[in-house]
PDB file of N, CA and C in Angstrom:
ATOM      1  N   MET A   1       0.842  -1.167   0.000  1.00  0.00           N
ATOM      2  CA  MET A   1       0.000   0.000   0.000  1.00  0.00           C
ATOM      3  C   MET A   1       0.896   1.241   0.000  1.00  0.00           C
ATOM      4  N   PHE A   2       0.470   2.256  -0.730  1.00  0.00           N
ATOM      5  CA  PHE A   2       1.247   3.491  -0.783  1.00  0.00           C
ATOM      6  C   PHE A   2       1.041   4.299   0.492  1.00  0.00           C
ATOM      7  N   ILE A   3       2.146   4.755   1.056  1.00  0.00           N
ATOM      8  CA  ILE A   3       2.135   5.588   2.249  1.00  0.00           C
ATOM      9  C   ILE A   3       2.367   7.037   1.850  1.00  0.00           C
ATOM     10  N   CYS A   4       3.204   7.234   0.843  1.00  0.00           N
ATOM     11  CA  CYS A   4       3.578   8.574   0.390  1.00  0.00           C
ATOM     12  C   CYS A   4       3.431   8.643  -1.122  1.00  0.00           C
ATOM     13  N   SER A   5       2.442   9.397  -1.571  1.00  0.00           N
ATOM     14  CA  SER A   5       2.247   9.519  -3.019  1.00  0.00           C
ATOM     15  C   SER A   5       3.272  10.461  -3.641  1.00  0.00           C
ATOM     16  N   CYS A   6       3.833  11.376  -2.859  1.00  0.00           N
ATOM     17  CA  CYS A   6       4.861  12.287  -3.393  1.00  0.00           C
ATOM     18  C   CYS A   6       6.107  11.514  -3.830  1.00  0.00           C
ATOM     19  N   ASN A   7       6.481  10.502  -3.036  1.00  0.00           N
ATOM     20  CA  ASN A   7       7.722   9.762  -3.273  1.00  0.00           C
ATOM     21  C   ASN A   7       7.509   8.311  -3.690  1.00  0.00           C
ATOM     22  N   GLY A   8       6.276   7.866  -3.751  1.00  0.00           N
ATOM     23  CA  GLY A   8       6.008   6.470  -4.100  1.00  0.00           C
ATOM     24  C   GLY A   8       6.458   5.504  -3.018  1.00  0.00           C
ATOM     25  N   LEU A   9       6.451   5.955  -1.777  1.00  0.00           N
ATOM     26  CA  LEU A   9       6.886   5.141  -0.639  1.00  0.00           C
ATOM     27  C   LEU A   9       5.756   4.199  -0.227  1.00  0.00           C
ATOM     28  N   THR A  10       6.083   2.911  -0.086  1.00  0.00           N
ATOM     29  CA  THR A  10       5.075   1.916   0.282  1.00  0.00           C
ATOM     30  C   THR A  10       5.360   1.324   1.659  1.00  0.00           C
ATOM     31  N   ASP A  11       4.395   0.582   2.166  1.00  0.00           N
ATOM     32  CA  ASP A  11       4.589  -0.113   3.436  1.00  0.00           C
ATOM     33  C   ASP A  11       5.724  -1.123   3.330  1.00  0.00           C
ATOM     34  N   LYS A  12       5.900  -1.717   2.168  1.00  0.00           N
ATOM     35  CA  LYS A  12       6.995  -2.676   1.957  1.00  0.00           C
ATOM     36  C   LYS A  12       8.353  -1.964   2.000  1.00  0.00           C
ATOM     37  N   ASP A  13       8.406  -0.717   1.522  1.00  0.00           N
ATOM     38  CA  ASP A  13       9.638   0.070   1.610  1.00  0.00           C
ATOM     39  C   ASP A  13       9.999   0.325   3.070  1.00  0.00           C
ATOM     40  N   VAL A  14       8.991   0.635   3.881  1.00  0.00           N
ATOM     41  CA  VAL A  14       9.224   0.873   5.307  1.00  0.00           C
ATOM     42  C   VAL A  14       9.742  -0.404   5.955  1.00  0.00           C
ATOM     43  N   GLN A  15       9.101  -1.520   5.670  1.00  0.00           N
ATOM     44  CA  GLN A  15       9.513  -2.809   6.238  1.00  0.00           C
ATOM     45  C   GLN A  15      10.944  -3.150   5.828  1.00  0.00           C
ATOM     46  N   ALA A  16      11.268  -2.960   4.562  1.00  0.00           N
ATOM     47  CA  ALA A  16      12.619  -3.264   4.070  1.00  0.00           C
ATOM     48  C   ALA A  16      13.656  -2.378   4.747  1.00  0.00           C
ATOM     49  N   ALA A  17      13.318  -1.115   4.959  1.00  0.00           N
ATOM     50  CA  ALA A  17      14.253  -0.199   5.615  1.00  0.00           C
ATOM     51  C   ALA A  17      14.490  -0.615   7.063  1.00  0.00           C
ATOM     52  N   VAL A  18      13.445  -1.070   7.744  1.00  0.00           N
ATOM     53  CA  VAL A  18      13.595  -1.528   9.131  1.00  0.00           C
ATOM     54  C   VAL A  18      14.470  -2.775   9.174  1.00  0.00           C
ATOM     55  N   VAL A  19      14.245  -3.703   8.271  1.00  0.00           N
ATOM     56  CA  VAL A  19      15.073  -4.914   8.202  1.00  0.00           C
ATOM     57  C   VAL A  19      16.533  -4.537   7.958  1.00  0.00           C
ATOM     58  N   ALA A  20      16.749  -3.469   7.186  1.00  0.00           N
ATOM     59  CA  ALA A  20      18.108  -3.008   6.889  1.00  0.00           C
ATOM     60  C   ALA A  20      18.706  -2.191   8.031  1.00  0.00           C
ATOM     61  N   GLY A  21      17.906  -1.928   9.087  1.00  0.00           N
ATOM     62  CA  GLY A  21      18.450  -1.248  10.258  1.00  0.00           C
ATOM     63  C   GLY A  21      17.870   0.115  10.572  1.00  0.00           C
ATOM     64  N   ALA A  22      16.917   0.591   9.799  1.00  0.00           N
ATOM     65  CA  ALA A  22      16.327   1.906  10.057  1.00  0.00           C
ATOM     66  C   ALA A  22      15.541   1.893  11.362  1.00  0.00           C
ATOM     67  N   THR A  23      15.706   2.947  12.151  1.00  0.00           N
ATOM     68  CA  THR A  23      14.967   3.076  13.408  1.00  0.00           C
ATOM     69  C   THR A  23      14.312   4.445  13.542  1.00  0.00           C
ATOM     70  N   ARG A  24      14.513   5.315  12.560  1.00  0.00           N
ATOM     71  CA  ARG A  24      13.954   6.671  12.590  1.00  0.00           C
ATOM     72  C   ARG A  24      13.301   6.976  11.248  1.00  0.00           C
ATOM     73  N   PRO A  25      12.286   7.839  11.247  1.00  0.00           N
ATOM     74  CA  PRO A  25      11.629   8.184   9.982  1.00  0.00           C
ATOM     75  C   PRO A  25      12.596   8.709   8.918  1.00  0.00           C
ATOM     76  N   THR A  26      13.560   9.519   9.316  1.00  0.00           N
ATOM     77  CA  THR A  26      14.512  10.045   8.325  1.00  0.00           C
ATOM     78  C   THR A  26      15.292   8.924   7.651  1.00  0.00           C
ATOM     79  N   GLU A  27      15.545   7.845   8.388  1.00  0.00           N
ATOM     80  CA  GLU A  27      16.256   6.704   7.810  1.00  0.00           C
ATOM     81  C   GLU A  27      15.376   5.933   6.829  1.00  0.00           C
ATOM     82  N   ILE A  28      14.067   5.961   7.057  1.00  0.00           N
ATOM     83  CA  ILE A  28      13.129   5.335   6.118  1.00  0.00           C
ATOM     84  C   ILE A  28      13.185   6.079   4.791  1.00  0.00           C
ATOM     85  N   TYR A  29      13.080   7.400   4.863  1.00  0.00           N
ATOM     86  CA  TYR A  29      13.129   8.208   3.638  1.00  0.00           C
ATOM     87  C   TYR A  29      14.490   8.080   2.953  1.00  0.00           C
ATOM     88  N   ALA A  30      15.560   8.089   3.733  1.00  0.00           N
ATOM     89  CA  ALA A  30      16.909   7.986   3.160  1.00  0.00           C
ATOM     90  C   ALA A  30      17.091   6.661   2.423  1.00  0.00           C
ATOM     91  N   ALA A  31      16.503   5.592   2.939  1.00  0.00           N
ATOM     92  CA  ALA A  31      16.616   4.285   2.283  1.00  0.00           C
ATOM     93  C   ALA A  31      15.985   4.317   0.899  1.00  0.00           C
ATOM     94  N   LYS A  32      14.980   5.144   0.731  1.00  0.00           N
ATOM     95  CA  LYS A  32      14.294   5.288  -0.559  1.00  0.00           C
ATOM     96  C   LYS A  32      14.892   6.445  -1.376  1.00  0.00           C
ATOM     97  N   LYS A  33      15.914   7.093  -0.795  1.00  0.00           N
ATOM     98  CA  LYS A  33      16.582   8.243  -1.425  1.00  0.00           C
ATOM     99  C   LYS A  33      15.591   9.374  -1.705  1.00  0.00           C
ATOM    100  N   CYS A  34      14.790   9.691  -0.672  1.00  0.00           N
ATOM    101  CA  CYS A  34      13.833  10.780  -0.788  1.00  0.00           C
ATOM    102  C   CYS A  34      13.701  11.448   0.578  1.00  0.00           C
ATOM    103  N   ARG A  35      12.807  12.396   0.677  1.00  0.00           N
ATOM    104  CA  ARG A  35      12.509  13.034   1.956  1.00  0.00           C
ATOM    105  C   ARG A  35      11.045  13.438   1.949  1.00  0.00           C
ATOM    106  N   ALA A  36      10.508  13.684   3.131  1.00  0.00           N
ATOM    107  CA  ALA A  36       9.114  14.104   3.225  1.00  0.00           C
ATOM    108  C   ALA A  36       8.970  15.438   2.503  1.00  0.00           C
ATOM    109  N   GLN A  37       7.957  15.551   1.674  1.00  0.00           N
ATOM    110  CA  GLN A  37       7.742  16.794   0.933  1.00  0.00           C
ATOM    111  C   GLN A  37       6.564  17.570   1.517  1.00  0.00           C
ATOM    112  N   CYS A  38       5.355  17.076   1.328  1.00  0.00           N
ATOM    113  CA  CYS A  38       4.193  17.796   1.859  1.00  0.00           C
ATOM    114  C   CYS A  38       3.976  17.485   3.341  1.00  0.00           C
ATOM    115  N   GLY A  39       4.498  16.346   3.807  1.00  0.00           N
ATOM    116  CA  GLY A  39       4.396  15.977   5.214  1.00  0.00           C
ATOM    117  C   GLY A  39       3.180  15.148   5.582  1.00  0.00           C
ATOM    118  N   ASN A  40       2.255  14.959   4.654  1.00  0.00           N
ATOM    119  CA  ASN A  40       1.054  14.181   4.969  1.00  0.00           C
ATOM    120  C   ASN A  40       1.362  12.722   5.274  1.00  0.00           C
ATOM    121  N   CYS A  41       2.475  12.217   4.797  1.00  0.00           N
ATOM    122  CA  CYS A  41       2.809  10.808   4.986  1.00  0.00           C
ATOM    123  C   CYS A  41       3.526  10.532   6.303  1.00  0.00           C
ATOM    124  N   VAL A  42       4.047  11.560   6.943  1.00  0.00           N
ATOM    125  CA  VAL A  42       4.887  11.354   8.125  1.00  0.00           C
ATOM    126  C   VAL A  42       4.169  10.560   9.223  1.00  0.00           C
ATOM    127  N   PRO A  43       2.921  10.887   9.585  1.00  0.00           N
ATOM    128  CA  PRO A  43       2.265  10.073  10.622  1.00  0.00           C
ATOM    129  C   PRO A  43       2.143   8.593  10.235  1.00  0.00           C
ATOM    130  N   GLY A  44       1.866   8.323   8.975  1.00  0.00           N
ATOM    131  CA  GLY A  44       1.770   6.937   8.523  1.00  0.00           C
ATOM    132  C   GLY A  44       3.107   6.226   8.572  1.00  0.00           C
ATOM    133  N   VAL A  45       4.165   6.927   8.178  1.00  0.00           N
ATOM    134  CA  VAL A  45       5.514   6.349   8.228  1.00  0.00           C
ATOM    135  C   VAL A  45       5.886   6.047   9.674  1.00  0.00           C
ATOM    136  N   VAL A  46       5.606   6.983  10.572  1.00  0.00           N
ATOM    137  CA  VAL A  46       5.926   6.785  11.990  1.00  0.00           C
ATOM    138  C   VAL A  46       5.150   5.590  12.546  1.00  0.00           C
ATOM    139  N   CYS A  47       3.874   5.496  12.210  1.00  0.00           N
ATOM    140  CA  CYS A  47       3.042   4.384  12.686  1.00  0.00           C
ATOM    141  C   CYS A  47       3.581   3.041  12.186  1.00  0.00           C
ATOM    142  N   LEU A  48       3.874   2.951  10.892  1.00  0.00           N
ATOM    143  CA  LEU A  48       4.409   1.701  10.335  1.00  0.00           C
ATOM    144  C   LEU A  48       5.781   1.373  10.911  1.00  0.00           C
ATOM    145  N   LEU A  49       6.593   2.394  11.125  1.00  0.00           N
ATOM    146  CA  LEU A  49       7.917   2.188  11.709  1.00  0.00           C
ATOM    147  C   LEU A  49       7.780   1.603  13.110  1.00  0.00           C
ATOM    148  N   ARG A  50       6.898   2.178  13.912  1.00  0.00           N
ATOM    149  CA  ARG A  50       6.689   1.658  15.272  1.00  0.00           C
ATOM    150  C   ARG A  50       6.213   0.211  15.240  1.00  0.00           C
ATOM    151  N   GLN A  51       5.260  -0.077  14.366  1.00  0.00           N
ATOM    152  CA  GLN A  51       4.753  -1.451  14.251  1.00  0.00           C
ATOM    153  C   GLN A  51       5.861  -2.415  13.855  1.00  0.00           C
ATOM    154  N   ALA A  52       6.633  -2.036  12.857  1.00  0.00           N
ATOM    155  CA  ALA A  52       7.700  -2.912  12.366  1.00  0.00           C
ATOM    156  C   ALA A  52       8.752  -3.143  13.444  1.00  0.00           C
ATOM    157  N   LEU A  53       9.098  -2.088  14.188  1.00  0.00           N
ATOM    158  CA  LEU A  53      10.094  -2.238  15.253  1.00  0.00           C
ATOM    159  C   LEU A  53       9.556  -3.111  16.385  1.00  0.00           C
ATOM    160  N   GLN A  54       8.273  -2.954  16.726  1.00  0.00           N
ATOM    161  CA  GLN A  54       7.674  -3.796  17.766  1.00  0.00           C
ATOM    162  C   GLN A  54       7.663  -5.260  17.341  1.00  0.00           C
ATOM    163  N   GLU A  55       7.321  -5.514  16.083  1.00  0.00           N
ATOM    164  CA  GLU A  55       7.314  -6.891  15.577  1.00  0.00           C
ATOM    165  C   GLU A  55       8.718  -7.477  15.590  1.00  0.00           C
ATOM    166  N   GLN A  56       9.696  -6.657  15.208  1.00  0.00           N
ATOM    167  CA  GLN A  56      11.087  -7.108  15.195  1.00  0.00           C
ATOM    168  C   GLN A  56      11.543  -7.450  16.614  1.00  0.00           C
ATOM    169  N   ARG A  57      11.206  -6.591  17.575  1.00  0.00           N
ATOM    170  CA  ARG A  57      11.577  -6.848  18.974  1.00  0.00           C
ATOM    171  C   ARG A  57      10.886  -8.104  19.506  1.00  0.00           C
ATOM    172  N   ALA A  58       9.629  -8.293  19.136  1.00  0.00           N
ATOM    173  CA  ALA A  58       8.892  -9.478  19.588  1.00  0.00           C
ATOM    174  C   ALA A  58       9.525 -10.749  19.034  1.00  0.00           C
ATOM    175  N   ARG A  59       9.923 -10.721  17.753  1.00  0.00           N
ATOM    176  CA  ARG A  59      10.583 -11.896  17.162  1.00  0.00           C
ATOM    177  C   ARG A  59      11.908 -12.172  17.862  1.00  0.00           C
ATOM    178  N   LEU A  60      12.654 -11.121  18.178  1.00  0.00           N
ATOM    179  CA  LEU A  60      13.928 -11.292  18.880  1.00  0.00           C
ATOM    180  C   LEU A  60      13.700 -11.890  20.264  1.00  0.00           C
ATOM    181  N   ALA A  61      12.728 -11.348  20.987  1.00  0.00           N
ATOM    182  CA  ALA A  61      12.437 -11.851  22.330  1.00  0.00           C
ATOM    183  C   ALA A  61      12.002 -13.305  22.268  1.00  0.00           C
ATOM    184  N   ASP A  62      11.189 -13.648  21.281  1.00  0.00           N
ATOM    185  CA  ASP A  62      10.734 -15.024  21.117  1.00  0.00           C
ATOM    186  C   ASP A  62      11.913 -15.947  20.815  1.00  0.00           C
ATOM    187  N   ALA A  63      12.819 -15.485  19.974  1.00  0.00           N
ATOM    188  CA  ALA A  63      13.991 -16.292  19.631  1.00  0.00           C
ATOM    189  C   ALA A  63      14.865 -16.520  20.860  1.00  0.00           C
ATOM    190  N   VAL A  64      15.017 -15.495  21.674  1.00  0.00           N
ATOM    191  CA  VAL A  64      15.834 -15.617  22.883  1.00  0.00           C
ATOM    192  C   VAL A  64      15.177 -16.589  23.860  1.00  0.00           C
ATOM    193  N   MET A  65      13.855 -16.503  23.985  1.00  0.00           N
ATOM    194  CA  MET A  65      13.141 -17.384  24.913  1.00  0.00           C
ATOM    195  C   MET A  65      13.211 -18.848  24.482  1.00  0.00           C
ATOM    196  N   HIS A  66      13.367 -19.105  23.192  1.00  0.00           N
ATOM    197  CA  HIS A  66      13.384 -20.479  22.694  1.00  0.00           C
ATOM    198  C   HIS A  66      14.788 -20.981  22.348  1.00  0.00           C
ATOM    199  N   THR A  67      15.796 -20.239  22.745  1.00  0.00           N
ATOM    200  CA  THR A  67      17.173 -20.661  22.518  1.00  0.00           C
ATOM    201  C   THR A  67      17.623 -21.476  23.725  1.00  0.00           C
ATOM    202  N   PRO A  68      18.080 -22.702  23.505  1.00  0.00           N
ATOM    203  CA  PRO A  68      18.517 -23.515  24.646  1.00  0.00           C
ATOM    204  C   PRO A  68      19.769 -22.914  25.281  1.00  0.00           C
ATOM    205  N   PRO A  69      19.919 -23.110  26.581  1.00  0.00           N
ATOM    206  CA  PRO A  69      21.118 -22.590  27.239  1.00  0.00           C
ATOM    207  C   PRO A  69      22.366 -23.257  26.669  1.00  0.00           C
ATOM    208  N   MET A  70      23.433 -22.515  26.661  1.00  0.00           N
ATOM    209  CA  MET A  70      24.690 -23.044  26.118  1.00  0.00           C
ATOM    210  C   MET A  70      25.362 -23.897  27.189  1.00  0.00           C
ATOM    211  N   VAL A  71      25.589 -25.146  26.858  1.00  0.00           N
ATOM    212  CA  VAL A  71      26.215 -26.089  27.782  1.00  0.00           C
ATOM    213  C   VAL A  71      27.675 -26.236  27.383  1.00  0.00           C
ATOM    214  N   GLY A  72      28.551 -26.226  28.370  1.00  0.00           N
ATOM    215  CA  GLY A  72      29.965 -26.423  28.090  1.00  0.00           C
ATOM    216  C   GLY A  72      30.592 -25.262  27.340  1.00  0.00           C
ATOM    217  N   VAL A  73      30.174 -24.058  27.653  1.00  0.00           N
ATOM    218  CA  VAL A  73      30.732 -22.880  26.992  1.00  0.00           C
ATOM    219  C   VAL A  73      32.170 -22.707  27.447  1.00  0.00           C
ATOM    220  N   ALA A  74      33.048 -22.507  26.493  1.00  0.00           N
ATOM    221  CA  ALA A  74      34.468 -22.346  26.811  1.00  0.00           C
ATOM    222  C   ALA A  74      34.711 -20.986  27.444  1.00  0.00           C
ATOM    223  N   ARG A  75      35.522 -20.982  28.472  1.00  0.00           N
ATOM    224  CA  ARG A  75      35.961 -19.724  29.063  1.00  0.00           C
ATOM    225  C   ARG A  75      37.284 -19.359  28.438  1.00  0.00           C
ATOM    226  N   GLU A  76      37.633 -18.127  28.566  1.00  0.00           N
ATOM    227  CA  GLU A  76      38.888 -17.651  27.984  1.00  0.00           C
ATOM    228  C   GLU A  76      40.052 -18.472  28.526  1.00  0.00           C
ATOM    229  N   GLY A  77      40.848 -18.995  27.634  1.00  0.00           N
ATOM    230  CA  GLY A  77      42.019 -19.766  28.015  1.00  0.00           C
ATOM    231  C   GLY A  77      41.729 -21.228  28.330  1.00  0.00           C
ATOM    232  N   VAL A  78      40.470 -21.645  28.237  1.00  0.00           N
ATOM    233  CA  VAL A  78      40.116 -23.031  28.529  1.00  0.00           C
ATOM    234  C   VAL A  78      39.541 -23.647  27.262  1.00  0.00           C
ATOM    235  N   CYS A  79      40.115 -24.749  26.840  1.00  0.00           N
ATOM    236  CA  CYS A  79      39.621 -25.442  25.648  1.00  0.00           C
ATOM    237  C   CYS A  79      38.755 -26.615  26.074  1.00  0.00           C
ATOM    238  N   LEU A  80      37.654 -26.777  25.386  1.00  0.00           N
ATOM    239  CA  LEU A  80      36.800 -27.934  25.636  1.00  0.00           C
ATOM    240  C   LEU A  80      37.060 -28.953  24.550  1.00  0.00           C
ATOM    241  N   SER A  81      37.137 -30.221  24.926  1.00  0.00           N
ATOM    242  CA  SER A  81      37.357 -31.235  23.903  1.00  0.00           C
ATOM    243  C   SER A  81      36.162 -32.122  23.757  1.00  0.00           C
TER     244      SER A  81
END
């Protein structure tokens, strides 16, 4: 879905920018090599950015919760065989 008709920015562009590391609206626009022009899209970009970051954090938390504890982790200077 189009978020910004001035720049042709879509929800998929926002998602791709977040996956690439964007955490601020300016980074979303920079990923598309554009900037907010009329400003009508900014609230939508911010909303999608927040959603995408929350989903990313939830996936990370879920991955951490389902990662088994590391058994036999080597300490510095100690080799495990």
